[in-house]
Amino acid sequence: MYVKLWQNDTFQTIEYTENLQKAFDKISNEEENLVVLRRDGTLYNLITFNDIATFSSYDLDTKLIEILDPTDSFLFDNDLLEDALVLMLENRARILPVVDNEMHPVGVFGLFEVLKSFKTISAMDETGTRAVIKIDDIPGELNKVLSIFATRKINLLSLMTAKISDKKRMISLKLGIKNIDLISDILDEENIEYEGIYEEKGDKES
């Protein structure tokens, strides 16, 4: 899953030769951010609403290049979503600029985009049934579970896993069928331990 699938393509820009006053004029609320460009249009840095307080000690005529260094915290549009999350955590960044292979900005990626990506990856927007199960954390166990639903022609919409102990792993499966009773019967029949089974309507169903 690539960053470009969820990046926000709408963003404001400003050249690093402009002054703080012009930057402040462009940032009008907490949701806005400003991509700072070099003269050739490539990425230089990013200013967010929260940075306004940091720059309060500078004269408003100060040029951005005088107070900002080139950033090394950015994403390529073909970076994996996992890489984006790691970079955001390491830098405690709420939002990052996204560039193409020539370093031209093509979008921004922040916490809102993370939530959108999770919604899609977890299939929250699709109608179906979610089963939260536990399996032994050994090779082949997950494949057994998937085979059980595959042989019954039940489509798998999403799969997420989390290690919960040295020997156990929790699995969240979103299945393309709205039938809690059927899923519970299958899990009971196959002696699969589960925490819960939930019907999810998705976005297309009110």
Protein backbone atom coordinates (compact mmCIF):
# COMPACT_ATOMS: atom_id res chain seq x y z
CA MET A 1 0.00 0.00 0.00
CA TYR A 2 1.52 3.26 -1.18
CA VAL A 3 1.38 6.76 0.28
CA LYS A 4 0.04 8.14 -3.03
CA LEU A 5 -3.21 6.23 -2.53
CA TRP A 6 -4.17 8.49 0.40
CA GLN A 7 -2.03 11.61 0.19
CA ASN A 8 -3.81 14.95 0.17
CA ASP A 9 -3.18 16.50 -3.24
CA THR A 10 -4.44 19.92 -2.11
CA PHE A 11 -1.76 22.06 -0.48
CA GLN A 12 -0.41 25.61 -0.47
CA THR A 13 3.13 26.57 -1.45
CA ILE A 14 5.49 29.46 -0.88
CA GLU A 15 9.05 30.14 -2.06
CA TYR A 16 11.82 30.24 0.53
CA THR A 17 12.72 33.76 -0.60
CA GLU A 18 9.39 35.07 0.72
CA ASN A 19 9.12 36.54 4.22
CA LEU A 20 7.33 35.43 7.38
CA GLN A 21 4.52 37.91 6.90
CA LYS A 22 3.51 36.32 3.62
CA ALA A 23 3.74 32.85 5.17
CA PHE A 24 1.51 33.88 8.09
CA ASP A 25 -0.97 35.42 5.69
CA LYS A 26 -1.33 32.08 3.90
CA ILE A 27 -1.74 30.00 7.06
CA SER A 28 -5.17 30.97 8.31
CA ASN A 29 -6.28 28.05 10.49
CA GLU A 30 -5.02 24.96 12.29
CA GLU A 31 -5.85 22.62 9.40
CA GLU A 32 -3.65 24.45 6.92
CA ASN A 33 0.01 23.95 6.16
CA LEU A 34 2.47 25.49 3.77
CA VAL A 35 4.99 23.66 1.59
CA VAL A 36 8.15 25.75 1.22
CA LEU A 37 9.79 25.56 -2.20
CA ARG A 38 13.19 26.32 -3.65
CA ARG A 39 13.31 28.56 -6.72
CA ASP A 40 13.29 25.49 -8.98
CA GLY A 41 10.05 24.25 -7.42
CA THR A 42 11.59 21.42 -5.41
CA LEU A 43 10.85 20.82 -1.73
CA TYR A 44 12.69 22.90 0.86
CA ASN A 45 10.60 22.52 4.03
CA LEU A 46 7.09 22.55 5.50
CA ILE A 47 5.42 25.10 7.78
CA THR A 48 2.34 24.20 9.84
CA PHE A 49 -0.02 26.32 11.89
CA ASN A 50 1.75 25.16 15.07
CA ASP A 51 5.01 26.65 13.81
CA ILE A 52 3.65 30.20 14.07
CA ALA A 53 4.50 30.41 17.77
CA THR A 54 8.04 29.17 17.06
CA PHE A 55 8.63 32.04 14.64
CA SER A 56 7.14 34.74 16.86
CA SER A 57 10.56 36.09 17.88
CA TYR A 58 11.54 36.84 14.29
CA ASP A 59 10.84 40.05 12.41
CA LEU A 60 8.01 39.62 9.92
CA ASP A 61 10.32 40.77 7.11
CA THR A 62 12.67 37.85 7.74
CA LYS A 63 12.99 35.57 4.75
CA LEU A 64 12.07 31.93 5.24
CA ILE A 65 15.46 30.73 4.00
CA GLU A 66 17.06 32.62 6.88
CA ILE A 67 15.21 30.68 9.57
CA LEU A 68 14.49 27.32 7.95
CA ASP A 69 16.92 24.55 7.08
CA PRO A 70 16.25 22.03 4.29
CA THR A 71 14.09 19.26 5.69
CA ASP A 72 15.02 15.59 5.58
CA SER A 73 11.57 14.58 6.85
CA PHE A 74 9.51 13.89 3.75
CA LEU A 75 7.92 11.03 1.84
CA PHE A 76 8.12 9.86 -1.73
CA ASP A 77 4.72 9.15 -3.25
CA ASN A 78 5.75 5.54 -3.85
CA ASP A 79 6.81 4.97 -0.23
CA LEU A 80 4.91 2.30 1.63
CA LEU A 81 2.31 3.33 4.20
CA GLU A 82 4.33 1.47 6.84
CA ASP A 83 7.37 3.63 6.07
CA ALA A 84 5.26 6.77 6.47
CA LEU A 85 4.03 5.70 9.90
CA VAL A 86 7.57 4.91 11.07
CA LEU A 87 8.87 8.30 9.87
CA MET A 88 5.99 10.16 11.52
CA LEU A 89 6.60 8.37 14.82
CA GLU A 90 10.36 8.85 14.72
CA ASN A 91 10.02 12.58 14.01
CA ARG A 92 6.86 13.12 16.07
CA ALA A 93 5.44 14.68 12.93
CA ARG A 94 1.72 15.26 12.48
CA ILE A 95 2.12 15.91 8.77
CA LEU A 96 4.81 15.36 6.14
CA PRO A 97 5.29 16.66 2.60
CA VAL A 98 5.16 14.13 -0.25
CA VAL A 99 7.40 14.47 -3.30
CA ASP A 100 7.95 12.70 -6.60
CA ASN A 101 11.29 11.24 -7.70
CA GLU A 102 12.50 14.69 -8.79
CA MET A 103 11.71 16.19 -5.35
CA HIS A 104 8.75 18.24 -6.58
CA PRO A 105 5.93 18.32 -3.99
CA VAL A 106 2.85 16.32 -5.01
CA GLY A 107 0.93 16.21 -1.74
CA VAL A 108 0.96 16.10 2.04
CA PHE A 109 0.39 13.13 4.34
CA GLY A 110 -0.79 13.56 7.93
CA LEU A 111 -2.80 12.01 10.72
CA PHE A 112 -6.06 12.43 8.80
CA GLU A 113 -4.59 10.51 5.87
CA VAL A 114 -3.45 7.79 8.28
CA LEU A 115 -7.03 7.40 9.51
CA LYS A 116 -8.36 7.28 5.94
CA SER A 117 -5.86 4.60 5.01
CA PHE A 118 -6.72 2.52 8.09
CA LYS A 119 -10.41 2.75 7.25
CA THR A 120 -9.76 1.39 3.77
CA ILE A 121 -7.23 -1.28 4.77
CA SER A 122 -9.47 -2.57 7.56
CA ALA A 123 -12.47 -2.58 5.15
CA MET A 124 -14.53 -0.52 7.58
CA ASP A 125 -16.30 1.08 4.62
CA GLU A 126 -17.48 -2.28 3.26
CA THR A 127 -20.45 -4.34 4.35
CA GLY A 128 -19.58 -7.61 6.06
CA THR A 129 -18.80 -9.38 9.30
CA ARG A 130 -15.68 -8.92 11.41
CA ALA A 131 -14.35 -11.83 13.45
CA VAL A 132 -11.67 -11.28 16.10
CA ILE A 133 -9.95 -14.59 16.75
CA LYS A 134 -6.91 -16.00 18.54
CA ILE A 135 -4.44 -18.45 17.05
CA ASP A 136 -1.15 -20.02 18.09
CA ASP A 137 1.71 -17.86 16.83
CA ILE A 138 3.35 -20.59 14.77
CA PRO A 139 3.83 -20.99 11.01
CA GLY A 140 0.82 -22.35 9.16
CA GLU A 141 -1.88 -21.53 11.71
CA LEU A 142 -3.17 -18.45 9.92
CA ASN A 143 -3.25 -20.29 6.60
CA LYS A 144 -5.48 -22.95 8.17
CA VAL A 145 -7.99 -20.29 9.18
CA LEU A 146 -7.99 -18.67 5.75
CA SER A 147 -8.45 -22.03 4.07
CA ILE A 148 -11.56 -22.68 6.16
CA PHE A 149 -13.30 -19.61 4.74
CA ALA A 150 -11.91 -20.12 1.24
CA THR A 151 -13.39 -23.62 0.99
CA ARG A 152 -16.77 -22.16 1.96
CA LYS A 153 -16.51 -19.47 -0.75
CA ILE A 154 -16.49 -16.64 1.82
CA ASN A 155 -14.51 -13.66 0.58
CA LEU A 156 -11.84 -12.10 2.80
CA LEU A 157 -12.02 -8.28 2.73
CA SER A 158 -9.35 -7.45 5.30
CA LEU A 159 -6.86 -9.10 7.62
CA MET A 160 -4.90 -7.54 10.49
CA THR A 161 -2.78 -9.27 13.10
CA ALA A 162 -1.24 -8.34 16.44
CA LYS A 163 1.01 -10.37 18.73
CA ILE A 164 -0.64 -10.47 22.17
CA SER A 165 1.67 -12.91 23.99
CA ASP A 166 4.71 -15.11 23.41
CA LYS A 167 2.48 -17.86 22.06
CA LYS A 168 -0.67 -16.17 20.80
CA ARG A 169 -1.62 -13.79 18.00
CA MET A 170 -4.92 -11.93 17.64
CA ILE A 171 -6.42 -11.79 14.15
CA SER A 172 -9.09 -9.38 12.91
CA LEU A 173 -10.81 -10.75 9.81
CA LYS A 174 -13.36 -8.79 7.79
CA LEU A 175 -15.43 -11.24 5.78
CA GLY A 176 -17.64 -10.45 2.81
CA ILE A 177 -20.80 -11.87 4.30
CA LYS A 178 -23.42 -10.49 6.69
CA ASN A 179 -24.18 -13.47 8.88
CA ILE A 180 -22.89 -13.51 12.46
CA ASP A 181 -24.50 -16.85 13.23
CA LEU A 182 -22.90 -18.58 10.26
CA ILE A 183 -19.44 -17.27 11.12
CA SER A 184 -19.78 -18.31 14.76
CA ASP A 185 -20.98 -21.78 13.71
CA ILE A 186 -17.96 -22.16 11.43
CA LEU A 187 -15.50 -21.06 14.12
CA ASP A 188 -17.13 -23.35 16.71
CA GLU A 189 -17.11 -26.26 14.28
CA GLU A 190 -13.41 -25.75 13.54
CA ASN A 191 -12.53 -25.20 17.24
CA ILE A 192 -11.16 -21.73 16.57
CA GLU A 193 -11.01 -19.46 19.62
CA TYR A 194 -12.60 -16.07 19.04
CA GLU A 195 -13.09 -12.90 21.06
CA GLY A 196 -16.08 -11.56 19.19
CA ILE A 197 -18.01 -11.39 15.92
CA TYR A 198 -19.51 -8.13 14.71
CA GLU A 199 -21.66 -7.10 11.77
CA GLU A 200 -20.45 -3.96 9.98
CA LYS A 201 -22.72 -2.06 7.61
CA GLY A 202 -20.07 -0.02 5.79
CA ASP A 203 -20.46 3.39 4.16
CA LYS A 204 -22.78 2.30 1.37
CA GLU A 205 -25.49 1.12 3.71
CA SER A 206 -27.38 3.45 5.98
